[in-house]
C-alpha cells in the first residue's frame, strides 16, 4: 500500500467526504441516464409514422386501408405506458406518477383493460419435488 492509501484510510472524515462526492456523481449520472430514457421513450410513444409499438402491438400493419391522417397525428399515451421509465423508482416518469397520486386516467379501482392479474388457475406440476435439503425432518 502506498502512503496516500494509508493517509486516507487513517482519516475517516476524508474517506467519508470522498465517498459522498462519489455518491453525488453517481446520482447525477443516474439522473442523466434516466432523463435520456424518458426522452427517448416519449419520442417512441409519440412517433406518428409507426403503425404500432411494442406496448400496443402492430395491428396497424395488418390494416388494408392506408389512412394517412392517422399516421400523421401524434399518438397519445398514458403514464402507465412508460414501461422503461417506470422500471426505475427515481425516473422522471415515476416521480410524475407519485406526484399525481398514482391514480390512472381510468380512475381509482378501474384497472386498464388487459393489464389485470391473470385469472386462470395455474396447473399443478406433475413432477415430485425431491429436494430434501430444505426439509427439517430429513436432517
N, C-alpha and C. Protein backbone atom coordinates (compact mmCIF):
# COMPACT_ATOMS: atom_id res chain seq x y z
N UNK A 1 0.84 -1.18 0.00
CA UNK A 1 0.00 0.00 0.00
C UNK A 1 0.89 1.24 0.00
N UNK A 2 0.50 2.24 -0.74
CA UNK A 2 1.31 3.45 -0.76
C UNK A 2 0.93 4.38 0.40
N UNK A 3 1.71 5.43 0.58
CA UNK A 3 1.48 6.33 1.71
C UNK A 3 0.15 7.08 1.56
N UNK A 4 -0.27 7.35 0.33
CA UNK A 4 -1.56 8.03 0.10
C UNK A 4 -2.71 7.18 0.61
N UNK A 5 -2.67 5.90 0.34
CA UNK A 5 -3.71 4.99 0.79
C UNK A 5 -3.76 4.89 2.30
N UNK A 6 -2.61 4.90 2.94
CA UNK A 6 -2.57 4.83 4.40
C UNK A 6 -3.12 6.10 5.03
N UNK A 7 -2.80 7.25 4.40
CA UNK A 7 -3.25 8.52 4.94
C UNK A 7 -4.78 8.64 4.89
N UNK A 8 -5.39 8.27 3.77
CA UNK A 8 -6.84 8.39 3.65
C UNK A 8 -7.54 7.32 4.47
N UNK A 9 -6.93 6.15 4.61
CA UNK A 9 -7.55 5.09 5.39
C UNK A 9 -7.54 5.44 6.87
N UNK A 10 -6.56 6.21 7.32
CA UNK A 10 -6.49 6.57 8.73
C UNK A 10 -7.36 7.80 9.05
N UNK A 11 -7.86 8.50 8.04
CA UNK A 11 -8.68 9.68 8.25
C UNK A 11 -10.12 9.38 7.79
N UNK A 12 -10.98 8.99 8.72
CA UNK A 12 -12.35 8.61 8.35
C UNK A 12 -13.15 9.76 7.73
N UNK A 13 -12.91 10.97 8.14
CA UNK A 13 -13.67 12.09 7.56
C UNK A 13 -13.30 12.31 6.10
N UNK A 14 -12.04 12.06 5.75
CA UNK A 14 -11.62 12.19 4.35
C UNK A 14 -12.24 11.07 3.51
N UNK A 15 -12.29 9.86 4.08
CA UNK A 15 -12.91 8.74 3.38
C UNK A 15 -14.40 9.02 3.17
N UNK A 16 -15.06 9.52 4.21
CA UNK A 16 -16.48 9.83 4.11
C UNK A 16 -16.73 10.91 3.07
N UNK A 17 -15.93 11.95 3.06
CA UNK A 17 -16.09 13.02 2.09
C UNK A 17 -15.88 12.51 0.67
N UNK A 18 -14.90 11.65 0.49
CA UNK A 18 -14.64 11.07 -0.82
C UNK A 18 -15.80 10.21 -1.29
N UNK A 19 -16.33 9.40 -0.39
CA UNK A 19 -17.46 8.54 -0.74
C UNK A 19 -18.72 9.34 -1.04
N UNK A 20 -18.96 10.40 -0.28
CA UNK A 20 -20.13 11.25 -0.53
C UNK A 20 -20.01 11.96 -1.89
N UNK A 21 -18.80 12.37 -2.23
CA UNK A 21 -18.57 13.02 -3.53
C UNK A 21 -18.82 12.02 -4.66
N UNK A 22 -18.31 10.81 -4.49
CA UNK A 22 -18.51 9.76 -5.49
C UNK A 22 -20.00 9.42 -5.62
N UNK A 23 -20.70 9.36 -4.49
CA UNK A 23 -22.14 9.07 -4.49
C UNK A 23 -22.92 10.14 -5.23
N UNK A 24 -22.56 11.40 -5.01
CA UNK A 24 -23.24 12.51 -5.69
C UNK A 24 -23.02 12.43 -7.21
N UNK A 25 -21.80 12.09 -7.64
CA UNK A 25 -21.52 11.96 -9.06
C UNK A 25 -22.32 10.82 -9.68
N UNK A 26 -22.43 9.71 -8.97
CA UNK A 26 -23.18 8.56 -9.48
C UNK A 26 -24.67 8.89 -9.56
N UNK A 27 -25.20 9.60 -8.57
CA UNK A 27 -26.61 10.01 -8.60
C UNK A 27 -26.88 10.95 -9.77
N UNK A 28 -25.96 11.86 -10.04
CA UNK A 28 -26.12 12.78 -11.15
C UNK A 28 -26.08 12.02 -12.48
N UNK A 29 -25.18 11.07 -12.60
CA UNK A 29 -25.10 10.25 -13.81
C UNK A 29 -26.39 9.44 -14.00
N UNK A 30 -26.92 8.90 -12.91
CA UNK A 30 -28.18 8.15 -12.97
C UNK A 30 -29.32 9.05 -13.43
N UNK A 31 -29.40 10.26 -12.89
CA UNK A 31 -30.45 11.20 -13.31
C UNK A 31 -30.35 11.50 -14.80
N UNK A 32 -29.12 11.69 -15.30
CA UNK A 32 -28.94 11.99 -16.72
C UNK A 32 -29.37 10.81 -17.60
N UNK A 33 -29.01 9.61 -17.20
CA UNK A 33 -29.40 8.42 -17.98
C UNK A 33 -30.91 8.23 -17.96
N UNK A 34 -31.52 8.41 -16.79
CA UNK A 34 -32.97 8.26 -16.69
C UNK A 34 -33.69 9.32 -17.51
N UNK A 35 -33.16 10.52 -17.58
CA UNK A 35 -33.75 11.59 -18.39
C UNK A 35 -33.65 11.22 -19.87
N UNK A 36 -32.52 10.66 -20.28
CA UNK A 36 -32.36 10.21 -21.66
C UNK A 36 -33.38 9.13 -22.01
N UNK A 37 -33.54 8.15 -21.14
CA UNK A 37 -34.52 7.08 -21.36
C UNK A 37 -35.92 7.66 -21.46
N UNK A 38 -36.24 8.57 -20.57
CA UNK A 38 -37.56 9.22 -20.56
C UNK A 38 -37.82 9.95 -21.88
N UNK A 39 -36.83 10.73 -22.33
CA UNK A 39 -36.99 11.49 -23.57
C UNK A 39 -37.12 10.57 -24.78
N UNK A 40 -36.29 9.54 -24.85
CA UNK A 40 -36.36 8.60 -25.98
C UNK A 40 -37.68 7.82 -25.97
N UNK A 41 -38.13 7.47 -24.79
CA UNK A 41 -39.40 6.75 -24.67
C UNK A 41 -40.56 7.64 -25.11
N UNK A 42 -40.53 8.90 -24.73
CA UNK A 42 -41.56 9.85 -25.16
C UNK A 42 -41.57 9.95 -26.68
N UNK A 43 -40.41 10.07 -27.26
CA UNK A 43 -40.31 10.16 -28.71
C UNK A 43 -40.86 8.90 -29.38
N UNK A 44 -40.54 7.74 -28.83
CA UNK A 44 -41.01 6.47 -29.40
C UNK A 44 -42.52 6.34 -29.28
N UNK A 45 -43.06 6.69 -28.13
CA UNK A 45 -44.50 6.53 -27.92
C UNK A 45 -45.32 7.54 -28.71
N UNK A 46 -44.74 8.68 -29.05
CA UNK A 46 -45.46 9.71 -29.81
C UNK A 46 -45.17 9.65 -31.30
N UNK A 47 -44.34 8.76 -31.75
CA UNK A 47 -43.93 8.69 -33.15
C UNK A 47 -45.15 8.50 -34.05
N UNK A 48 -45.46 9.48 -34.89
CA UNK A 48 -46.66 9.38 -35.72
C UNK A 48 -46.49 8.49 -36.94
N UNK A 49 -45.28 8.10 -37.30
CA UNK A 49 -45.08 7.33 -38.52
C UNK A 49 -45.25 5.83 -38.31
N UNK A 50 -45.38 5.40 -37.09
CA UNK A 50 -45.47 3.97 -36.85
C UNK A 50 -46.93 3.49 -36.82
N UNK A 51 -47.12 2.24 -37.11
CA UNK A 51 -48.46 1.65 -37.11
C UNK A 51 -48.64 0.77 -35.88
N UNK A 52 -47.87 1.02 -34.86
CA UNK A 52 -47.95 0.25 -33.64
C UNK A 52 -46.64 0.38 -32.88
N UNK A 53 -46.59 -0.24 -31.72
CA UNK A 53 -45.35 -0.27 -30.96
C UNK A 53 -45.32 -1.52 -30.10
N UNK A 54 -44.25 -1.73 -29.38
CA UNK A 54 -44.09 -2.96 -28.61
C UNK A 54 -45.09 -3.05 -27.47
N UNK A 55 -45.63 -1.94 -27.02
CA UNK A 55 -46.59 -1.98 -25.93
C UNK A 55 -48.02 -2.22 -26.41
N UNK A 56 -48.39 -1.63 -27.52
CA UNK A 56 -49.76 -1.70 -28.01
C UNK A 56 -49.96 -2.76 -29.09
N UNK A 57 -48.89 -3.20 -29.71
CA UNK A 57 -48.99 -4.17 -30.79
C UNK A 57 -48.85 -3.49 -32.14
N UNK A 58 -48.79 -4.32 -33.18
CA UNK A 58 -48.57 -3.81 -34.53
C UNK A 58 -49.74 -4.13 -35.45
N UNK A 59 -50.96 -4.05 -34.93
CA UNK A 59 -52.13 -4.35 -35.74
C UNK A 59 -52.30 -3.35 -36.88
N UNK A 60 -51.72 -2.18 -36.78
CA UNK A 60 -51.83 -1.19 -37.84
C UNK A 60 -51.21 -1.65 -39.14
N UNK A 61 -50.24 -2.55 -39.10
CA UNK A 61 -49.64 -3.06 -40.31
C UNK A 61 -50.59 -4.00 -41.05
N UNK A 62 -51.53 -4.58 -40.35
CA UNK A 62 -52.47 -5.52 -40.97
C UNK A 62 -53.63 -4.81 -41.65
N UNK A 63 -53.80 -3.55 -41.35
CA UNK A 63 -54.92 -2.79 -41.91
C UNK A 63 -54.74 -2.65 -43.42
N UNK A 64 -55.80 -2.95 -44.16
CA UNK A 64 -55.71 -2.87 -45.62
C UNK A 64 -55.86 -1.43 -46.11
N UNK A 65 -56.57 -0.60 -45.36
CA UNK A 65 -56.75 0.78 -45.78
C UNK A 65 -55.62 1.63 -45.21
N UNK A 66 -55.04 2.44 -46.05
CA UNK A 66 -53.95 3.32 -45.63
C UNK A 66 -54.54 4.68 -45.30
N UNK A 67 -54.79 4.93 -44.02
CA UNK A 67 -55.35 6.20 -43.60
C UNK A 67 -54.19 7.10 -43.19
N UNK A 68 -53.77 8.00 -44.06
CA UNK A 68 -52.61 8.83 -43.80
C UNK A 68 -52.84 9.86 -42.71
N UNK A 69 -54.08 10.25 -42.46
CA UNK A 69 -54.32 11.22 -41.40
C UNK A 69 -54.01 10.61 -40.05
N UNK A 70 -54.26 9.31 -39.90
CA UNK A 70 -53.94 8.66 -38.63
C UNK A 70 -52.43 8.53 -38.45
N UNK A 71 -51.71 8.37 -39.55
CA UNK A 71 -50.26 8.22 -39.46
C UNK A 71 -49.57 9.53 -39.11
N UNK A 72 -50.16 10.68 -39.49
CA UNK A 72 -49.51 11.96 -39.30
C UNK A 72 -49.73 12.57 -37.93
N UNK A 73 -50.76 12.16 -37.22
CA UNK A 73 -51.02 12.80 -35.93
C UNK A 73 -50.21 12.15 -34.81
N UNK A 74 -49.97 12.94 -33.82
CA UNK A 74 -49.20 12.49 -32.66
C UNK A 74 -50.03 11.51 -31.83
N UNK A 75 -49.39 10.50 -31.32
CA UNK A 75 -50.06 9.49 -30.52
C UNK A 75 -50.16 9.96 -29.07
N UNK A 76 -51.32 9.67 -28.44
CA UNK A 76 -51.48 9.96 -27.02
C UNK A 76 -51.20 8.67 -26.25
N UNK A 77 -50.59 8.82 -25.11
CA UNK A 77 -50.30 7.66 -24.27
C UNK A 77 -50.43 8.07 -22.82
N UNK A 78 -50.57 7.08 -21.97
CA UNK A 78 -50.71 7.33 -20.54
C UNK A 78 -49.37 7.09 -19.85
N UNK A 79 -49.28 7.59 -18.64
CA UNK A 79 -48.04 7.43 -17.87
C UNK A 79 -47.74 5.96 -17.64
N UNK A 80 -48.77 5.12 -17.55
CA UNK A 80 -48.56 3.69 -17.31
C UNK A 80 -47.95 2.99 -18.52
N UNK A 81 -47.97 3.63 -19.68
CA UNK A 81 -47.37 3.06 -20.89
C UNK A 81 -45.85 3.17 -20.89
N UNK A 82 -45.31 3.93 -19.98
CA UNK A 82 -43.86 4.13 -19.93
C UNK A 82 -43.19 2.94 -19.22
N UNK A 83 -43.10 1.85 -19.94
CA UNK A 83 -42.57 0.62 -19.38
C UNK A 83 -41.13 0.77 -18.92
N UNK A 84 -40.30 1.40 -19.72
CA UNK A 84 -38.89 1.51 -19.40
C UNK A 84 -38.62 2.53 -18.30
N UNK A 85 -39.25 3.69 -18.39
CA UNK A 85 -39.03 4.71 -17.37
C UNK A 85 -39.56 4.28 -16.01
N UNK A 86 -40.68 3.58 -16.00
CA UNK A 86 -41.27 3.17 -14.72
C UNK A 86 -40.54 1.99 -14.09
N UNK A 87 -39.53 1.45 -14.77
CA UNK A 87 -38.76 0.36 -14.17
C UNK A 87 -37.79 0.89 -13.12
N UNK A 88 -37.65 2.20 -13.02
CA UNK A 88 -36.80 2.81 -12.00
C UNK A 88 -37.65 3.74 -11.14
N UNK A 89 -37.52 3.62 -9.84
CA UNK A 89 -38.35 4.44 -8.94
C UNK A 89 -37.88 5.89 -8.88
N UNK A 90 -36.70 6.18 -9.41
CA UNK A 90 -36.20 7.55 -9.37
C UNK A 90 -36.29 8.25 -10.71
N UNK A 91 -36.93 7.65 -11.69
CA UNK A 91 -37.02 8.26 -13.02
C UNK A 91 -38.05 9.40 -13.01
N UNK A 92 -37.98 10.28 -14.00
CA UNK A 92 -38.98 11.35 -14.09
C UNK A 92 -40.41 10.83 -14.20
N UNK A 93 -40.60 9.70 -14.89
CA UNK A 93 -41.96 9.14 -15.03
C UNK A 93 -42.48 8.64 -13.69
N UNK A 94 -41.64 7.99 -12.91
CA UNK A 94 -42.06 7.51 -11.59
C UNK A 94 -42.39 8.68 -10.67
N UNK A 95 -41.63 9.76 -10.79
CA UNK A 95 -41.91 10.95 -10.00
C UNK A 95 -43.24 11.58 -10.41
N UNK A 96 -43.56 11.55 -11.72
CA UNK A 96 -44.85 12.07 -12.19
C UNK A 96 -46.00 11.26 -11.62
N UNK A 97 -45.87 9.93 -11.66
CA UNK A 97 -46.92 9.06 -11.15
C UNK A 97 -47.10 9.29 -9.65
N UNK A 98 -45.99 9.42 -8.92
CA UNK A 98 -46.06 9.65 -7.48
C UNK A 98 -46.69 11.02 -7.18
N UNK A 99 -46.35 12.02 -7.97
CA UNK A 99 -46.88 13.37 -7.78
C UNK A 99 -48.39 13.39 -8.05
N UNK A 100 -48.83 12.63 -9.05
CA UNK A 100 -50.25 12.57 -9.39
C UNK A 100 -51.01 11.63 -8.47
N UNK A 101 -50.37 11.05 -7.52
CA UNK A 101 -51.03 10.17 -6.58
C UNK A 101 -51.17 8.74 -7.06
N UNK A 102 -50.55 8.41 -8.19
CA UNK A 102 -50.60 7.04 -8.69
C UNK A 102 -51.94 6.65 -9.27
N UNK A 103 -52.86 7.61 -9.46
CA UNK A 103 -54.18 7.31 -10.00
C UNK A 103 -54.12 7.44 -11.51
N UNK A 104 -54.55 6.40 -12.22
CA UNK A 104 -54.53 6.44 -13.67
C UNK A 104 -55.71 7.25 -14.19
N UNK A 105 -55.71 7.52 -15.48
CA UNK A 105 -56.80 8.28 -16.10
C UNK A 105 -58.11 7.49 -16.08
N UNK A 106 -58.05 6.19 -15.89
CA UNK A 106 -59.26 5.38 -15.82
C UNK A 106 -59.97 5.54 -14.50
N UNK A 107 -59.34 6.15 -13.53
CA UNK A 107 -59.94 6.34 -12.22
C UNK A 107 -59.49 5.27 -11.25
N UNK A 108 -59.67 5.54 -9.96
CA UNK A 108 -59.23 4.57 -8.97
C UNK A 108 -60.10 3.32 -9.01
N UNK A 109 -59.47 2.18 -8.88
CA UNK A 109 -60.18 0.92 -8.82
C UNK A 109 -60.60 0.38 -10.17
N UNK A 110 -60.26 1.06 -11.23
CA UNK A 110 -60.59 0.58 -12.57
C UNK A 110 -59.30 0.22 -13.28
N UNK A 111 -58.95 -1.07 -13.31
CA UNK A 111 -57.70 -1.44 -13.98
C UNK A 111 -57.80 -1.23 -15.48
N UNK A 112 -56.68 -0.93 -16.07
CA UNK A 112 -56.62 -0.76 -17.50
C UNK A 112 -56.93 -2.08 -18.18
N UNK A 113 -57.65 -2.04 -19.27
CA UNK A 113 -58.06 -3.26 -19.96
C UNK A 113 -56.82 -4.04 -20.39
N UNK A 114 -56.82 -5.32 -20.05
CA UNK A 114 -55.72 -6.18 -20.45
C UNK A 114 -54.51 -6.12 -19.54
N UNK A 115 -54.57 -5.35 -18.49
CA UNK A 115 -53.41 -5.21 -17.61
C UNK A 115 -53.65 -5.80 -16.23
N UNK A 116 -54.75 -6.48 -16.03
CA UNK A 116 -55.08 -7.03 -14.71
C UNK A 116 -54.32 -8.30 -14.43
N UNK A 117 -54.45 -8.81 -13.21
CA UNK A 117 -53.77 -10.05 -12.87
C UNK A 117 -54.38 -11.22 -13.63
N UNK A 118 -53.61 -12.23 -13.82
CA UNK A 118 -54.05 -13.40 -14.55
C UNK A 118 -55.15 -14.11 -13.77
N UNK A 119 -56.24 -14.42 -14.46
CA UNK A 119 -57.39 -15.00 -13.79
C UNK A 119 -57.43 -16.52 -13.88
N UNK A 120 -56.70 -17.09 -14.80
CA UNK A 120 -56.73 -18.55 -14.96
C UNK A 120 -55.99 -19.23 -13.82
N UNK A 121 -56.45 -20.44 -13.48
CA UNK A 121 -55.78 -21.17 -12.42
C UNK A 121 -54.51 -21.80 -12.97
N UNK A 122 -53.51 -21.85 -12.12
CA UNK A 122 -52.26 -22.48 -12.51
C UNK A 122 -52.40 -23.99 -12.44
N UNK A 123 -51.83 -24.63 -13.42
CA UNK A 123 -51.84 -26.08 -13.44
C UNK A 123 -50.76 -26.60 -12.50
N UNK A 124 -51.10 -27.53 -11.68
CA UNK A 124 -50.13 -28.10 -10.74
C UNK A 124 -49.10 -28.91 -11.49
N UNK A 125 -47.87 -28.84 -11.03
CA UNK A 125 -46.79 -29.60 -11.65
C UNK A 125 -46.96 -31.07 -11.31
N UNK A 126 -46.74 -31.92 -12.31
CA UNK A 126 -46.87 -33.36 -12.08
C UNK A 126 -45.58 -33.95 -11.53
N UNK A 127 -44.51 -33.13 -11.51
CA UNK A 127 -43.24 -33.63 -11.01
C UNK A 127 -43.20 -33.55 -9.49
N UNK A 128 -42.62 -34.55 -8.88
CA UNK A 128 -42.46 -34.58 -7.43
C UNK A 128 -41.16 -33.88 -7.08
N UNK A 129 -41.20 -33.06 -6.06
CA UNK A 129 -40.01 -32.33 -5.63
C UNK A 129 -39.18 -33.21 -4.70
N UNK A 130 -38.02 -33.61 -5.17
CA UNK A 130 -37.15 -34.48 -4.39
C UNK A 130 -36.04 -33.68 -3.70
N UNK A 131 -36.29 -32.40 -3.45
CA UNK A 131 -35.30 -31.55 -2.80
C UNK A 131 -35.45 -31.70 -1.29
N UNK A 132 -34.56 -32.50 -0.70
CA UNK A 132 -34.64 -32.77 0.73
C UNK A 132 -33.79 -31.81 1.56
N UNK A 133 -33.06 -30.91 0.90
CA UNK A 133 -32.18 -30.01 1.63
C UNK A 133 -32.95 -29.08 2.55
N UNK A 134 -34.14 -28.66 2.15
CA UNK A 134 -34.92 -27.72 2.94
C UNK A 134 -35.86 -28.40 3.93
N UNK A 135 -35.94 -29.71 3.90
CA UNK A 135 -36.86 -30.45 4.76
C UNK A 135 -36.23 -30.66 6.14
N UNK A 136 -36.79 -30.06 7.20
CA UNK A 136 -36.19 -30.20 8.54
C UNK A 136 -36.28 -31.63 9.08
N UNK A 137 -37.23 -32.42 8.60
CA UNK A 137 -37.36 -33.80 9.08
C UNK A 137 -36.27 -34.71 8.52
N UNK A 138 -35.64 -34.32 7.44
CA UNK A 138 -34.63 -35.16 6.80
C UNK A 138 -33.23 -34.88 7.31
N UNK A 139 -33.09 -33.95 8.22
CA UNK A 139 -31.75 -33.61 8.72
C UNK A 139 -31.35 -34.45 9.89
